[in-house]
Amino acid sequence: MLPRHARLISPSDFARTTKSGLRLISKSLVLYLYSTKEVAPARFGLIIGKSVGGSVVRHRVARKIRHSLRDHMSAFPSGSLVVVRALPNSSKADLHTEMNVTIKKLLEKSAISQ
């Protein structure tokens, strides 16, 4: 589980991140990164729709994603808003490996764009 201070809760933060942030697409995930001027730690949110599967499957995918995010929380710049969207085939993917690769690429892409 992510600590409370590291969670995206506001719908406006989700919308701002998904509409205006950097986007990186992998086989089973879409990661969005939006940089703010805040001096707060990075915050994270998940979007896991019903197309991923039933309730049990969606919660299993969410736990795997949160576990992978926890390992990389300190790598994101302060004030970052990050949203991870699970695609329909994410229930069958190796999410830990895919998250590691995708987060690395997203951070490289954000460093280039700044």
N, C-alpha and C. Protein backbone atom coordinates (compact mmCIF):
# COMPACT_ATOMS: atom_id res chain seq x y z
N MET A 1 0.83 -1.18 0.00
CA MET A 1 0.00 0.00 0.00
C MET A 1 0.88 1.24 0.00
N LEU A 2 0.46 2.25 -0.74
CA LEU A 2 1.19 3.51 -0.78
C LEU A 2 0.83 4.35 0.44
N PRO A 3 1.82 5.08 0.98
CA PRO A 3 1.50 5.95 2.11
C PRO A 3 0.48 7.02 1.69
N ARG A 4 -0.27 7.52 2.64
CA ARG A 4 -1.33 8.48 2.35
C ARG A 4 -0.82 9.72 1.63
N HIS A 5 0.34 10.21 2.01
CA HIS A 5 0.88 11.43 1.38
C HIS A 5 1.32 11.18 -0.06
N ALA A 6 1.40 9.93 -0.48
CA ALA A 6 1.87 9.60 -1.83
C ALA A 6 0.73 9.22 -2.77
N ARG A 7 -0.51 9.45 -2.36
CA ARG A 7 -1.65 9.04 -3.19
C ARG A 7 -2.30 10.23 -3.87
N LEU A 8 -2.66 10.04 -5.13
CA LEU A 8 -3.48 11.01 -5.85
C LEU A 8 -4.92 10.72 -5.50
N ILE A 9 -5.66 11.71 -5.07
CA ILE A 9 -7.04 11.51 -4.66
C ILE A 9 -7.99 12.37 -5.49
N SER A 10 -7.58 13.58 -5.77
CA SER A 10 -8.45 14.55 -6.43
C SER A 10 -8.69 14.21 -7.90
N PRO A 11 -9.95 14.20 -8.33
CA PRO A 11 -10.24 13.98 -9.75
C PRO A 11 -9.58 15.01 -10.66
N SER A 12 -9.42 16.24 -10.17
CA SER A 12 -8.77 17.26 -11.00
C SER A 12 -7.29 16.95 -11.20
N ASP A 13 -6.63 16.35 -10.20
CA ASP A 13 -5.23 15.95 -10.36
C ASP A 13 -5.11 14.82 -11.38
N PHE A 14 -6.04 13.87 -11.33
CA PHE A 14 -6.05 12.79 -12.32
C PHE A 14 -6.22 13.36 -13.73
N ALA A 15 -7.19 14.26 -13.88
CA ALA A 15 -7.47 14.85 -15.20
C ALA A 15 -6.28 15.65 -15.71
N ARG A 16 -5.69 16.46 -14.84
CA ARG A 16 -4.54 17.27 -15.24
C ARG A 16 -3.38 16.39 -15.68
N THR A 17 -3.14 15.33 -14.96
CA THR A 17 -2.03 14.43 -15.27
C THR A 17 -2.26 13.69 -16.57
N THR A 18 -3.46 13.15 -16.77
CA THR A 18 -3.71 12.35 -17.97
C THR A 18 -3.86 13.20 -19.22
N LYS A 19 -4.29 14.44 -19.07
CA LYS A 19 -4.50 15.28 -20.24
C LYS A 19 -3.27 16.11 -20.61
N SER A 20 -2.50 16.54 -19.63
CA SER A 20 -1.39 17.45 -19.89
C SER A 20 -0.01 16.85 -19.61
N GLY A 21 0.05 15.68 -19.02
CA GLY A 21 1.33 15.10 -18.65
C GLY A 21 2.00 14.34 -19.78
N LEU A 22 3.26 14.00 -19.56
CA LEU A 22 3.97 13.12 -20.48
C LEU A 22 3.32 11.74 -20.44
N ARG A 23 3.27 11.07 -21.58
CA ARG A 23 2.64 9.76 -21.64
C ARG A 23 3.61 8.76 -22.24
N LEU A 24 3.65 7.59 -21.63
CA LEU A 24 4.47 6.50 -22.15
C LEU A 24 3.62 5.23 -22.14
N ILE A 25 3.56 4.57 -23.29
CA ILE A 25 2.71 3.39 -23.44
C ILE A 25 3.59 2.16 -23.57
N SER A 26 3.25 1.13 -22.80
CA SER A 26 3.91 -0.16 -22.93
C SER A 26 2.85 -1.18 -23.35
N LYS A 27 3.20 -2.45 -23.33
CA LYS A 27 2.26 -3.49 -23.77
C LYS A 27 0.99 -3.55 -22.93
N SER A 28 1.12 -3.38 -21.63
CA SER A 28 -0.05 -3.52 -20.78
C SER A 28 -0.27 -2.36 -19.82
N LEU A 29 0.50 -1.28 -19.96
CA LEU A 29 0.36 -0.13 -19.07
C LEU A 29 0.52 1.17 -19.85
N VAL A 30 -0.10 2.22 -19.32
CA VAL A 30 0.13 3.57 -19.80
C VAL A 30 0.51 4.39 -18.57
N LEU A 31 1.67 5.04 -18.62
CA LEU A 31 2.12 5.88 -17.51
C LEU A 31 2.07 7.34 -17.92
N TYR A 32 1.55 8.17 -17.02
CA TYR A 32 1.49 9.61 -17.24
C TYR A 32 2.31 10.29 -16.14
N LEU A 33 3.05 11.31 -16.51
CA LEU A 33 3.85 12.07 -15.54
C LEU A 33 3.61 13.55 -15.77
N TYR A 34 3.19 14.25 -14.73
CA TYR A 34 2.96 15.68 -14.79
C TYR A 34 3.80 16.32 -13.70
N SER A 35 4.62 17.28 -14.08
CA SER A 35 5.50 17.95 -13.10
C SER A 35 4.86 19.25 -12.65
N THR A 36 4.81 19.45 -11.34
CA THR A 36 4.31 20.68 -10.76
C THR A 36 5.48 21.40 -10.09
N LYS A 37 5.23 22.59 -9.64
CA LYS A 37 6.26 23.38 -8.96
C LYS A 37 6.24 23.15 -7.45
N GLU A 38 5.40 22.23 -6.99
CA GLU A 38 5.30 21.96 -5.55
C GLU A 38 6.58 21.33 -5.02
N VAL A 39 6.82 21.52 -3.74
CA VAL A 39 7.99 20.93 -3.10
C VAL A 39 7.57 19.70 -2.29
N ALA A 40 6.43 19.16 -2.60
CA ALA A 40 5.92 17.97 -1.92
C ALA A 40 6.45 16.71 -2.61
N PRO A 41 6.42 15.58 -1.93
CA PRO A 41 6.85 14.34 -2.58
C PRO A 41 5.91 13.98 -3.74
N ALA A 42 6.39 13.14 -4.62
CA ALA A 42 5.59 12.70 -5.76
C ALA A 42 4.35 11.96 -5.27
N ARG A 43 3.25 12.10 -6.04
CA ARG A 43 2.00 11.42 -5.69
C ARG A 43 1.58 10.53 -6.86
N PHE A 44 0.93 9.41 -6.55
CA PHE A 44 0.63 8.38 -7.53
C PHE A 44 -0.84 8.00 -7.50
N GLY A 45 -1.38 7.67 -8.67
CA GLY A 45 -2.75 7.21 -8.78
C GLY A 45 -2.85 6.09 -9.78
N LEU A 46 -3.87 5.27 -9.64
CA LEU A 46 -4.08 4.13 -10.54
C LEU A 46 -5.44 4.24 -11.21
N ILE A 47 -5.49 3.81 -12.47
CA ILE A 47 -6.75 3.69 -13.19
C ILE A 47 -6.80 2.26 -13.72
N ILE A 48 -7.72 1.48 -13.17
CA ILE A 48 -7.84 0.09 -13.58
C ILE A 48 -9.31 -0.16 -13.89
N GLY A 49 -9.63 -0.18 -15.17
CA GLY A 49 -11.01 -0.30 -15.60
C GLY A 49 -11.51 -1.73 -15.60
N LYS A 50 -12.80 -1.87 -15.84
CA LYS A 50 -13.43 -3.18 -15.86
C LYS A 50 -12.97 -4.05 -17.02
N SER A 51 -12.37 -3.43 -18.03
CA SER A 51 -11.87 -4.22 -19.17
C SER A 51 -10.69 -5.11 -18.76
N VAL A 52 -10.06 -4.81 -17.64
CA VAL A 52 -8.95 -5.62 -17.14
C VAL A 52 -9.46 -6.97 -16.64
N GLY A 53 -10.63 -6.97 -16.04
CA GLY A 53 -11.20 -8.21 -15.52
C GLY A 53 -12.18 -7.93 -14.40
N GLY A 54 -12.55 -8.97 -13.71
CA GLY A 54 -13.46 -8.84 -12.57
C GLY A 54 -12.79 -8.17 -11.39
N SER A 55 -13.53 -8.03 -10.34
CA SER A 55 -13.04 -7.33 -9.15
C SER A 55 -11.76 -7.94 -8.59
N VAL A 56 -11.72 -9.25 -8.49
CA VAL A 56 -10.56 -9.93 -7.93
C VAL A 56 -9.33 -9.68 -8.80
N VAL A 57 -9.50 -9.76 -10.10
CA VAL A 57 -8.39 -9.54 -11.03
C VAL A 57 -7.91 -8.10 -10.96
N ARG A 58 -8.84 -7.15 -10.95
CA ARG A 58 -8.45 -5.72 -10.89
C ARG A 58 -7.68 -5.41 -9.62
N HIS A 59 -8.13 -5.96 -8.49
CA HIS A 59 -7.42 -5.70 -7.24
C HIS A 59 -6.05 -6.36 -7.22
N ARG A 60 -5.93 -7.52 -7.83
CA ARG A 60 -4.62 -8.18 -7.93
C ARG A 60 -3.66 -7.34 -8.77
N VAL A 61 -4.14 -6.81 -9.88
CA VAL A 61 -3.32 -5.95 -10.74
C VAL A 61 -2.93 -4.69 -9.98
N ALA A 62 -3.87 -4.09 -9.26
CA ALA A 62 -3.57 -2.88 -8.49
C ALA A 62 -2.49 -3.14 -7.44
N ARG A 63 -2.58 -4.28 -6.74
CA ARG A 63 -1.55 -4.60 -5.74
C ARG A 63 -0.19 -4.75 -6.37
N LYS A 64 -0.12 -5.41 -7.53
CA LYS A 64 1.17 -5.58 -8.21
C LYS A 64 1.74 -4.23 -8.64
N ILE A 65 0.90 -3.36 -9.16
CA ILE A 65 1.37 -2.04 -9.61
C ILE A 65 1.84 -1.22 -8.41
N ARG A 66 1.05 -1.19 -7.34
CA ARG A 66 1.46 -0.43 -6.14
C ARG A 66 2.77 -0.94 -5.58
N HIS A 67 2.95 -2.25 -5.57
CA HIS A 67 4.18 -2.83 -5.07
C HIS A 67 5.38 -2.38 -5.91
N SER A 68 5.21 -2.35 -7.22
CA SER A 68 6.29 -1.90 -8.10
C SER A 68 6.55 -0.41 -7.94
N LEU A 69 5.48 0.38 -7.78
CA LEU A 69 5.65 1.82 -7.60
C LEU A 69 6.40 2.14 -6.31
N ARG A 70 6.13 1.37 -5.28
CA ARG A 70 6.77 1.62 -3.98
C ARG A 70 8.29 1.57 -4.09
N ASP A 71 8.80 0.70 -4.97
CA ASP A 71 10.25 0.58 -5.16
C ASP A 71 10.85 1.79 -5.87
N HIS A 72 10.03 2.56 -6.59
CA HIS A 72 10.55 3.65 -7.42
C HIS A 72 10.08 5.03 -6.96
N MET A 73 9.42 5.13 -5.82
CA MET A 73 8.86 6.40 -5.39
C MET A 73 9.91 7.51 -5.28
N SER A 74 11.07 7.19 -4.79
CA SER A 74 12.10 8.21 -4.59
C SER A 74 12.76 8.65 -5.90
N ALA A 75 12.57 7.90 -6.97
CA ALA A 75 13.20 8.25 -8.25
C ALA A 75 12.50 9.41 -8.94
N PHE A 76 11.23 9.65 -8.60
CA PHE A 76 10.48 10.72 -9.26
C PHE A 76 10.80 12.06 -8.62
N PRO A 77 10.87 13.12 -9.43
CA PRO A 77 11.14 14.46 -8.88
C PRO A 77 10.04 14.92 -7.93
N SER A 78 10.38 15.77 -6.99
CA SER A 78 9.37 16.26 -6.05
C SER A 78 8.32 17.07 -6.80
N GLY A 79 7.09 16.94 -6.37
CA GLY A 79 5.99 17.64 -7.01
C GLY A 79 5.39 16.91 -8.19
N SER A 80 5.90 15.75 -8.52
CA SER A 80 5.39 15.00 -9.67
C SER A 80 4.05 14.35 -9.35
N LEU A 81 3.21 14.31 -10.37
CA LEU A 81 1.95 13.57 -10.29
C LEU A 81 2.07 12.44 -11.31
N VAL A 82 1.85 11.21 -10.88
CA VAL A 82 2.01 10.04 -11.74
C VAL A 82 0.71 9.24 -11.72
N VAL A 83 0.23 8.89 -12.91
CA VAL A 83 -0.96 8.04 -13.02
C VAL A 83 -0.57 6.83 -13.86
N VAL A 84 -0.96 5.65 -13.39
CA VAL A 84 -0.72 4.40 -14.10
C VAL A 84 -2.08 3.85 -14.52
N ARG A 85 -2.25 3.65 -15.82
CA ARG A 85 -3.49 3.07 -16.35
C ARG A 85 -3.18 1.65 -16.81
N ALA A 86 -3.94 0.70 -16.30
CA ALA A 86 -3.77 -0.70 -16.69
C ALA A 86 -4.61 -0.98 -17.93
N LEU A 87 -4.01 -1.60 -18.93
CA LEU A 87 -4.70 -1.98 -20.15
C LEU A 87 -5.29 -3.39 -19.98
N PRO A 88 -6.20 -3.79 -20.86
CA PRO A 88 -6.90 -5.07 -20.67
C PRO A 88 -6.00 -6.30 -20.52
N ASN A 89 -4.85 -6.32 -21.16
CA ASN A 89 -3.99 -7.50 -21.06
C ASN A 89 -3.04 -7.46 -19.86
N SER A 90 -3.19 -6.51 -18.97
CA SER A 90 -2.28 -6.37 -17.83
C SER A 90 -2.43 -7.49 -16.81
N SER A 91 -3.54 -8.19 -16.81
CA SER A 91 -3.72 -9.26 -15.85
C SER A 91 -2.83 -10.47 -16.16
N LYS A 92 -2.36 -10.57 -17.40
CA LYS A 92 -1.53 -11.70 -17.79
C LYS A 92 -0.06 -11.33 -17.95
N ALA A 93 0.28 -10.07 -17.73
CA ALA A 93 1.64 -9.59 -17.96
C ALA A 93 2.50 -9.69 -16.70
N ASP A 94 3.81 -9.64 -16.91
CA ASP A 94 4.77 -9.56 -15.81
C ASP A 94 4.90 -8.07 -15.45
N LEU A 95 4.03 -7.61 -14.58
CA LEU A 95 3.92 -6.18 -14.30
C LEU A 95 5.15 -5.61 -13.62
N HIS A 96 5.79 -6.37 -12.77
CA HIS A 96 6.96 -5.85 -12.05
C HIS A 96 8.07 -5.48 -13.04
N THR A 97 8.38 -6.38 -13.95
CA THR A 97 9.43 -6.11 -14.94
C THR A 97 9.02 -4.98 -15.86
N GLU A 98 7.77 -5.02 -16.30
CA GLU A 98 7.29 -3.98 -17.22
C GLU A 98 7.29 -2.61 -16.55
N MET A 99 6.92 -2.54 -15.28
CA MET A 99 6.94 -1.27 -14.55
C MET A 99 8.36 -0.75 -14.43
N ASN A 100 9.32 -1.62 -14.12
CA ASN A 100 10.71 -1.19 -14.00
C ASN A 100 11.20 -0.55 -15.28
N VAL A 101 10.95 -1.20 -16.41
CA VAL A 101 11.41 -0.69 -17.71
C VAL A 101 10.68 0.60 -18.08
N THR A 102 9.37 0.61 -17.88
CA THR A 102 8.56 1.75 -18.28
C THR A 102 8.86 2.98 -17.43
N ILE A 103 9.05 2.80 -16.14
CA ILE A 103 9.38 3.94 -15.27
C ILE A 103 10.73 4.53 -15.66
N LYS A 104 11.69 3.67 -15.94
CA LYS A 104 13.01 4.15 -16.36
C LYS A 104 12.90 4.99 -17.64
N LYS A 105 12.13 4.49 -18.62
CA LYS A 105 11.95 5.23 -19.87
C LYS A 105 11.21 6.55 -19.64
N LEU A 106 10.20 6.54 -18.78
CA LEU A 106 9.43 7.75 -18.50
C LEU A 106 10.31 8.82 -17.85
N LEU A 107 11.15 8.42 -16.91
CA LEU A 107 12.04 9.38 -16.26
C LEU A 107 13.07 9.94 -17.23
N GLU A 108 13.57 9.10 -18.15
CA GLU A 108 14.49 9.59 -19.17
C GLU A 108 13.79 10.57 -20.10
N LYS A 109 12.56 10.25 -20.48
CA LYS A 109 11.79 11.13 -21.37
C LYS A 109 11.50 12.47 -20.69
N SER A 110 11.21 12.45 -19.39
CA SER A 110 10.93 13.71 -18.68
C SER A 110 12.19 14.55 -18.53
N ALA A 111 13.35 13.92 -18.38
CA ALA A 111 14.60 14.66 -18.27
C ALA A 111 14.94 15.34 -19.58
N ILE A 112 14.63 14.69 -20.69
CA ILE A 112 14.90 15.26 -22.01
C ILE A 112 13.97 16.43 -22.29
N SER A 113 12.72 16.34 -21.90
CA SER A 113 11.74 17.38 -22.22
C SER A 113 11.89 18.63 -21.35
N GLN A 114 12.66 18.57 -20.28
CA GLN A 114 12.80 19.75 -19.41
C GLN A 114 13.96 20.60 -19.79
